[in-house]
């Protein structure tokens, strides 16, 4: 997929399930993205604190050890982070989905969506007017 971006997007993928994390990593890398991975919410937050100004997008699972995806998004909304935020989850309760929508995430995608389709959605969103 050709991108309309000045450089390869830099994306954080946070998921405690290694298979999902690796499948997403492979799919995004195949699309010329730079990827960093976190295996739980606390590691994701540590990476965000160091890389926040450089990341173009965060893709996070909802239920993870340490911080949940929702807690990560709540913390991000208290910072200067201007990248995109996507939730990639197996299931969300109605109140969880509303909470993410209230925090203005850029997308909620359920894990039955194959990784290449998530890549397409994220890259389409990134190629629109930058948030920075």
N, C-alpha and C. Protein backbone atom coordinates (compact mmCIF):
# COMPACT_ATOMS: atom_id res chain seq x y z
N UNK A 1 0.85 -1.17 0.00
CA UNK A 1 0.00 0.00 0.00
C UNK A 1 0.89 1.23 0.00
N UNK A 2 0.72 2.11 -0.96
CA UNK A 2 1.51 3.34 -1.03
C UNK A 2 0.97 4.36 -0.03
N UNK A 3 1.89 4.95 0.70
CA UNK A 3 1.49 5.93 1.71
C UNK A 3 1.73 7.33 1.20
N UNK A 4 0.90 8.23 1.65
CA UNK A 4 1.03 9.63 1.32
C UNK A 4 1.64 10.36 2.51
N UNK A 5 2.68 9.77 3.10
CA UNK A 5 3.30 10.31 4.29
C UNK A 5 4.77 10.59 4.01
N UNK A 6 5.36 11.61 4.66
CA UNK A 6 6.74 11.96 4.39
C UNK A 6 7.74 10.89 4.80
N UNK A 7 7.42 10.08 5.80
CA UNK A 7 8.30 9.00 6.23
C UNK A 7 7.45 7.84 6.73
N UNK A 8 8.10 6.71 6.93
CA UNK A 8 7.38 5.53 7.39
C UNK A 8 6.73 5.80 8.74
N UNK A 9 5.46 5.48 8.89
CA UNK A 9 4.79 5.69 10.18
C UNK A 9 5.44 4.85 11.27
N UNK A 10 5.47 5.42 12.46
CA UNK A 10 6.03 4.76 13.64
C UNK A 10 4.87 4.40 14.55
N UNK A 11 4.69 3.11 14.82
CA UNK A 11 3.49 2.61 15.50
C UNK A 11 3.88 1.75 16.70
N UNK A 12 3.19 1.99 17.82
CA UNK A 12 3.31 1.14 19.00
C UNK A 12 2.16 0.15 19.00
N UNK A 13 2.47 -1.12 19.15
CA UNK A 13 1.46 -2.17 19.27
C UNK A 13 1.57 -2.75 20.67
N UNK A 14 0.48 -2.64 21.44
CA UNK A 14 0.45 -3.15 22.81
C UNK A 14 -0.61 -4.25 22.90
N UNK A 15 -0.15 -5.46 23.15
CA UNK A 15 -1.06 -6.60 23.28
C UNK A 15 -0.35 -7.68 24.07
N UNK A 16 -1.04 -8.27 25.04
CA UNK A 16 -0.42 -9.31 25.85
C UNK A 16 -0.43 -10.68 25.17
N UNK A 17 -1.13 -10.82 24.07
CA UNK A 17 -1.15 -12.09 23.33
C UNK A 17 -0.08 -12.04 22.25
N UNK A 18 0.94 -12.87 22.41
CA UNK A 18 2.08 -12.85 21.49
C UNK A 18 1.68 -13.07 20.04
N UNK A 19 0.71 -13.96 19.79
CA UNK A 19 0.32 -14.24 18.40
C UNK A 19 -0.29 -13.01 17.73
N UNK A 20 -1.15 -12.30 18.43
CA UNK A 20 -1.73 -11.08 17.86
C UNK A 20 -0.64 -10.03 17.66
N UNK A 21 0.21 -9.87 18.67
CA UNK A 21 1.28 -8.87 18.61
C UNK A 21 2.19 -9.14 17.42
N UNK A 22 2.60 -10.38 17.24
CA UNK A 22 3.50 -10.72 16.15
C UNK A 22 2.82 -10.64 14.78
N UNK A 23 1.56 -11.04 14.71
CA UNK A 23 0.84 -10.94 13.43
C UNK A 23 0.68 -9.48 13.00
N UNK A 24 0.35 -8.62 13.97
CA UNK A 24 0.23 -7.20 13.65
C UNK A 24 1.58 -6.62 13.26
N UNK A 25 2.61 -6.98 14.00
CA UNK A 25 3.95 -6.49 13.70
C UNK A 25 4.35 -6.86 12.28
N UNK A 26 4.15 -8.12 11.91
CA UNK A 26 4.51 -8.57 10.57
C UNK A 26 3.71 -7.83 9.50
N UNK A 27 2.42 -7.64 9.73
CA UNK A 27 1.57 -6.97 8.75
C UNK A 27 1.97 -5.50 8.57
N UNK A 28 2.24 -4.82 9.67
CA UNK A 28 2.63 -3.40 9.57
C UNK A 28 4.03 -3.26 8.99
N UNK A 29 4.94 -4.14 9.36
CA UNK A 29 6.30 -4.09 8.83
C UNK A 29 6.27 -4.33 7.32
N UNK A 30 5.42 -5.26 6.88
CA UNK A 30 5.26 -5.53 5.45
C UNK A 30 4.76 -4.29 4.71
N UNK A 31 4.07 -3.41 5.42
CA UNK A 31 3.56 -2.17 4.82
C UNK A 31 4.51 -0.99 5.07
N UNK A 32 5.77 -1.30 5.33
CA UNK A 32 6.82 -0.29 5.50
C UNK A 32 6.63 0.63 6.69
N UNK A 33 6.06 0.10 7.76
CA UNK A 33 5.92 0.87 9.00
C UNK A 33 7.04 0.49 9.96
N UNK A 34 7.42 1.42 10.80
CA UNK A 34 8.35 1.13 11.89
C UNK A 34 7.51 0.77 13.10
N UNK A 35 7.86 -0.31 13.77
CA UNK A 35 7.02 -0.86 14.84
C UNK A 35 7.83 -0.99 16.12
N UNK A 36 7.17 -0.73 17.24
CA UNK A 36 7.69 -1.11 18.54
C UNK A 36 6.59 -1.86 19.25
N UNK A 37 6.96 -2.84 20.06
CA UNK A 37 5.99 -3.75 20.67
C UNK A 37 6.04 -3.67 22.18
N UNK A 38 4.87 -3.83 22.80
CA UNK A 38 4.75 -3.91 24.25
C UNK A 38 3.86 -5.10 24.58
N UNK A 39 4.28 -5.89 25.57
CA UNK A 39 3.54 -7.10 25.93
C UNK A 39 2.55 -6.89 27.06
N UNK A 40 2.49 -5.69 27.61
CA UNK A 40 1.48 -5.37 28.62
C UNK A 40 1.32 -3.86 28.71
N UNK A 41 0.33 -3.43 29.47
CA UNK A 41 0.02 -2.01 29.55
C UNK A 41 1.11 -1.17 30.20
N UNK A 42 1.77 -1.71 31.21
CA UNK A 42 2.84 -0.96 31.86
C UNK A 42 4.02 -0.73 30.93
N UNK A 43 4.39 -1.76 30.16
CA UNK A 43 5.49 -1.61 29.19
C UNK A 43 5.09 -0.62 28.10
N UNK A 44 3.83 -0.68 27.68
CA UNK A 44 3.35 0.27 26.67
C UNK A 44 3.49 1.70 27.18
N UNK A 45 3.10 1.93 28.43
CA UNK A 45 3.18 3.29 28.97
C UNK A 45 4.63 3.75 29.08
N UNK A 46 5.52 2.86 29.47
CA UNK A 46 6.95 3.22 29.53
C UNK A 46 7.46 3.65 28.16
N UNK A 47 7.08 2.90 27.13
CA UNK A 47 7.48 3.25 25.76
C UNK A 47 6.86 4.59 25.36
N UNK A 48 5.60 4.77 25.68
CA UNK A 48 4.94 6.03 25.34
C UNK A 48 5.62 7.22 25.99
N UNK A 49 6.03 7.09 27.22
CA UNK A 49 6.70 8.19 27.90
C UNK A 49 7.99 8.59 27.19
N UNK A 50 8.68 7.60 26.61
CA UNK A 50 9.94 7.88 25.91
C UNK A 50 9.74 8.28 24.45
N UNK A 51 8.75 7.71 23.80
CA UNK A 51 8.59 7.86 22.35
C UNK A 51 7.39 8.70 21.91
N UNK A 52 6.65 9.25 22.86
CA UNK A 52 5.39 9.92 22.57
C UNK A 52 5.47 10.92 21.41
N UNK A 53 6.51 11.72 21.39
CA UNK A 53 6.63 12.76 20.36
C UNK A 53 6.98 12.20 18.99
N UNK A 54 7.34 10.93 18.92
CA UNK A 54 7.75 10.34 17.65
C UNK A 54 6.73 9.36 17.08
N UNK A 55 5.82 8.89 17.92
CA UNK A 55 4.84 7.89 17.48
C UNK A 55 3.73 8.53 16.66
N UNK A 56 3.37 7.85 15.58
CA UNK A 56 2.25 8.29 14.75
C UNK A 56 0.95 7.64 15.17
N UNK A 57 1.05 6.45 15.77
CA UNK A 57 -0.16 5.74 16.18
C UNK A 57 0.15 4.76 17.30
N UNK A 58 -0.88 4.53 18.11
CA UNK A 58 -0.86 3.51 19.15
C UNK A 58 -2.01 2.56 18.86
N UNK A 59 -1.70 1.27 18.85
CA UNK A 59 -2.73 0.25 18.71
C UNK A 59 -2.66 -0.57 19.99
N UNK A 60 -3.74 -0.57 20.75
CA UNK A 60 -3.70 -1.25 22.03
C UNK A 60 -4.88 -2.19 22.21
N UNK A 61 -4.58 -3.30 22.85
CA UNK A 61 -5.61 -4.21 23.32
C UNK A 61 -6.30 -3.53 24.50
N UNK A 62 -7.47 -4.00 24.86
CA UNK A 62 -8.17 -3.44 26.03
C UNK A 62 -7.72 -4.13 27.30
N UNK A 63 -7.88 -5.43 27.36
CA UNK A 63 -7.55 -6.19 28.58
C UNK A 63 -6.13 -6.71 28.50
N UNK A 64 -5.27 -6.14 29.35
CA UNK A 64 -3.87 -6.56 29.43
C UNK A 64 -3.44 -6.49 30.89
N UNK A 65 -2.39 -7.22 31.24
CA UNK A 65 -1.81 -7.03 32.57
C UNK A 65 -1.29 -5.60 32.71
N UNK A 66 -1.24 -5.13 33.94
CA UNK A 66 -0.81 -3.75 34.16
C UNK A 66 -1.92 -2.81 33.75
N UNK A 67 -1.57 -1.73 33.11
CA UNK A 67 -2.58 -0.78 32.63
C UNK A 67 -3.43 -1.41 31.54
N UNK A 68 -4.72 -1.13 31.57
CA UNK A 68 -5.60 -1.56 30.48
C UNK A 68 -5.48 -0.57 29.33
N UNK A 69 -6.01 -0.94 28.19
CA UNK A 69 -6.03 -0.01 27.07
C UNK A 69 -6.76 1.28 27.43
N UNK A 70 -7.85 1.17 28.16
CA UNK A 70 -8.62 2.35 28.56
C UNK A 70 -7.78 3.26 29.45
N UNK A 71 -7.06 2.68 30.38
CA UNK A 71 -6.21 3.49 31.26
C UNK A 71 -5.10 4.18 30.47
N UNK A 72 -4.55 3.48 29.49
CA UNK A 72 -3.52 4.09 28.63
C UNK A 72 -4.09 5.28 27.88
N UNK A 73 -5.27 5.12 27.30
CA UNK A 73 -5.88 6.22 26.55
C UNK A 73 -6.20 7.39 27.48
N UNK A 74 -6.72 7.10 28.66
CA UNK A 74 -7.01 8.17 29.62
C UNK A 74 -5.73 8.94 29.96
N UNK A 75 -4.64 8.23 30.18
CA UNK A 75 -3.37 8.90 30.47
C UNK A 75 -2.87 9.69 29.26
N UNK A 76 -2.99 9.11 28.07
CA UNK A 76 -2.55 9.82 26.86
C UNK A 76 -3.30 11.13 26.66
N UNK A 77 -4.57 11.14 26.99
CA UNK A 77 -5.38 12.35 26.81
C UNK A 77 -4.98 13.47 27.78
N UNK A 78 -4.15 13.14 28.74
CA UNK A 78 -3.64 14.15 29.68
C UNK A 78 -2.26 14.66 29.26
N UNK A 79 -1.79 14.23 28.10
CA UNK A 79 -0.46 14.59 27.61
C UNK A 79 -0.58 15.40 26.32
N UNK A 80 0.57 15.64 25.72
CA UNK A 80 0.62 16.36 24.44
C UNK A 80 0.59 15.42 23.24
N UNK A 81 0.35 14.13 23.46
CA UNK A 81 0.33 13.16 22.36
C UNK A 81 -0.68 13.58 21.30
N UNK A 82 -0.23 13.59 20.05
CA UNK A 82 -1.09 14.02 18.93
C UNK A 82 -1.27 12.94 17.88
N UNK A 83 -0.74 11.75 18.13
CA UNK A 83 -0.89 10.67 17.16
C UNK A 83 -2.27 10.03 17.23
N UNK A 84 -2.47 9.05 16.41
CA UNK A 84 -3.73 8.32 16.36
C UNK A 84 -3.78 7.23 17.42
N UNK A 85 -4.98 6.87 17.84
CA UNK A 85 -5.18 5.82 18.83
C UNK A 85 -6.23 4.85 18.32
N UNK A 86 -5.86 3.57 18.29
CA UNK A 86 -6.77 2.52 17.86
C UNK A 86 -6.85 1.45 18.93
N UNK A 87 -8.05 0.95 19.15
CA UNK A 87 -8.28 -0.14 20.08
C UNK A 87 -8.51 -1.39 19.24
N UNK A 88 -7.77 -2.46 19.57
CA UNK A 88 -7.87 -3.74 18.86
C UNK A 88 -8.15 -4.79 19.92
N UNK A 89 -9.42 -5.16 20.07
CA UNK A 89 -9.83 -5.97 21.20
C UNK A 89 -10.73 -7.12 20.77
N UNK A 90 -10.72 -8.17 21.59
CA UNK A 90 -11.60 -9.31 21.33
C UNK A 90 -13.05 -8.96 21.56
N UNK A 91 -13.29 -8.21 22.62
CA UNK A 91 -14.67 -7.82 22.96
C UNK A 91 -14.62 -6.63 23.91
N UNK A 92 -15.63 -5.81 23.82
CA UNK A 92 -15.78 -4.69 24.74
C UNK A 92 -17.22 -4.64 25.22
N UNK A 93 -17.40 -4.35 26.48
CA UNK A 93 -18.74 -4.11 27.00
C UNK A 93 -19.20 -2.75 26.46
N UNK A 94 -20.50 -2.53 26.46
CA UNK A 94 -21.06 -1.29 25.92
C UNK A 94 -20.47 -0.06 26.62
N UNK A 95 -20.32 -0.12 27.95
CA UNK A 95 -19.78 1.03 28.68
C UNK A 95 -18.30 1.25 28.36
N UNK A 96 -17.55 0.19 28.08
CA UNK A 96 -16.15 0.33 27.70
C UNK A 96 -16.05 0.99 26.33
N UNK A 97 -16.90 0.54 25.42
CA UNK A 97 -16.89 1.12 24.07
C UNK A 97 -17.25 2.61 24.14
N UNK A 98 -18.26 2.96 24.94
CA UNK A 98 -18.63 4.37 25.11
C UNK A 98 -17.48 5.17 25.70
N UNK A 99 -16.78 4.60 26.67
CA UNK A 99 -15.66 5.30 27.30
C UNK A 99 -14.58 5.63 26.26
N UNK A 100 -14.28 4.67 25.40
CA UNK A 100 -13.30 4.93 24.34
C UNK A 100 -13.81 6.00 23.37
N UNK A 101 -15.08 5.92 23.02
CA UNK A 101 -15.64 6.92 22.12
C UNK A 101 -15.61 8.31 22.76
N UNK A 102 -15.89 8.39 24.06
CA UNK A 102 -15.83 9.67 24.76
C UNK A 102 -14.41 10.23 24.79
N UNK A 103 -13.42 9.36 24.73
CA UNK A 103 -12.02 9.78 24.70
C UNK A 103 -11.53 10.04 23.27
N UNK A 104 -12.44 9.96 22.32
CA UNK A 104 -12.18 10.28 20.91
C UNK A 104 -11.05 9.45 20.30
N UNK A 105 -11.09 8.12 20.52
CA UNK A 105 -10.12 7.27 19.84
C UNK A 105 -10.42 7.30 18.34
N UNK A 106 -9.43 6.99 17.55
CA UNK A 106 -9.59 7.06 16.10
C UNK A 106 -10.25 5.83 15.50
N UNK A 107 -10.30 4.75 16.27
CA UNK A 107 -10.96 3.56 15.78
C UNK A 107 -11.00 2.47 16.83
N UNK A 108 -12.07 1.70 16.79
CA UNK A 108 -12.21 0.50 17.60
C UNK A 108 -12.41 -0.64 16.61
N UNK A 109 -11.48 -1.59 16.63
CA UNK A 109 -11.51 -2.70 15.69
C UNK A 109 -11.46 -3.99 16.50
N UNK A 110 -12.34 -4.90 16.18
CA UNK A 110 -12.39 -6.16 16.91
C UNK A 110 -11.47 -7.19 16.25
N UNK A 111 -10.93 -8.07 17.07
CA UNK A 111 -9.88 -8.98 16.62
C UNK A 111 -10.32 -10.00 15.58
N UNK A 112 -11.61 -10.10 15.30
CA UNK A 112 -11.98 -10.97 14.19
C UNK A 112 -11.60 -10.33 12.86
N UNK A 113 -11.28 -9.05 12.89
CA UNK A 113 -10.76 -8.35 11.71
C UNK A 113 -9.33 -8.82 11.47
N UNK A 114 -9.02 -9.34 10.29
CA UNK A 114 -7.66 -9.83 10.04
C UNK A 114 -6.64 -8.69 10.08
N UNK A 115 -5.41 -8.97 10.52
CA UNK A 115 -4.39 -7.93 10.61
C UNK A 115 -4.22 -7.08 9.35
N UNK A 116 -4.22 -7.66 8.14
CA UNK A 116 -4.08 -6.79 6.95
C UNK A 116 -5.20 -5.75 6.82
N UNK A 117 -6.40 -6.10 7.26
CA UNK A 117 -7.52 -5.15 7.21
C UNK A 117 -7.29 -4.03 8.24
N UNK A 118 -6.79 -4.37 9.42
CA UNK A 118 -6.47 -3.35 10.42
C UNK A 118 -5.39 -2.43 9.88
N UNK A 119 -4.38 -2.99 9.24
CA UNK A 119 -3.32 -2.17 8.64
C UNK A 119 -3.93 -1.18 7.66
N UNK A 120 -4.81 -1.66 6.80
CA UNK A 120 -5.46 -0.78 5.81
C UNK A 120 -6.19 0.36 6.50
N UNK A 121 -6.94 0.05 7.55
CA UNK A 121 -7.72 1.08 8.27
C UNK A 121 -6.80 2.10 8.94
N UNK A 122 -5.75 1.61 9.58
CA UNK A 122 -4.83 2.52 10.27
C UNK A 122 -4.10 3.41 9.27
N UNK A 123 -3.58 2.81 8.21
CA UNK A 123 -2.84 3.61 7.22
C UNK A 123 -3.74 4.60 6.51
N UNK A 124 -4.98 4.24 6.27
CA UNK A 124 -5.92 5.19 5.66
C UNK A 124 -6.12 6.39 6.59
N UNK A 125 -6.25 6.13 7.86
CA UNK A 125 -6.44 7.20 8.84
C UNK A 125 -5.17 8.06 8.97
N UNK A 126 -4.01 7.42 8.93
CA UNK A 126 -2.75 8.16 9.03
C UNK A 126 -2.49 9.03 7.81
N UNK A 127 -2.98 8.61 6.66
CA UNK A 127 -2.72 9.38 5.44
C UNK A 127 -3.60 10.63 5.34
N UNK A 128 -4.60 10.71 6.20
CA UNK A 128 -5.41 11.93 6.25
C UNK A 128 -4.63 13.01 6.95
N UNK A 129 -5.21 14.18 6.99
CA UNK A 129 -4.55 15.33 7.60
C UNK A 129 -3.89 14.95 8.94
N UNK A 130 -2.61 15.21 9.09
CA UNK A 130 -1.91 14.85 10.32
C UNK A 130 -2.46 15.59 11.52
N UNK A 131 -2.42 14.93 12.68
CA UNK A 131 -2.88 15.54 13.92
C UNK A 131 -1.81 16.41 14.56
N UNK A 132 -0.57 16.27 14.14
CA UNK A 132 0.53 17.01 14.79
C UNK A 132 0.59 18.43 14.34
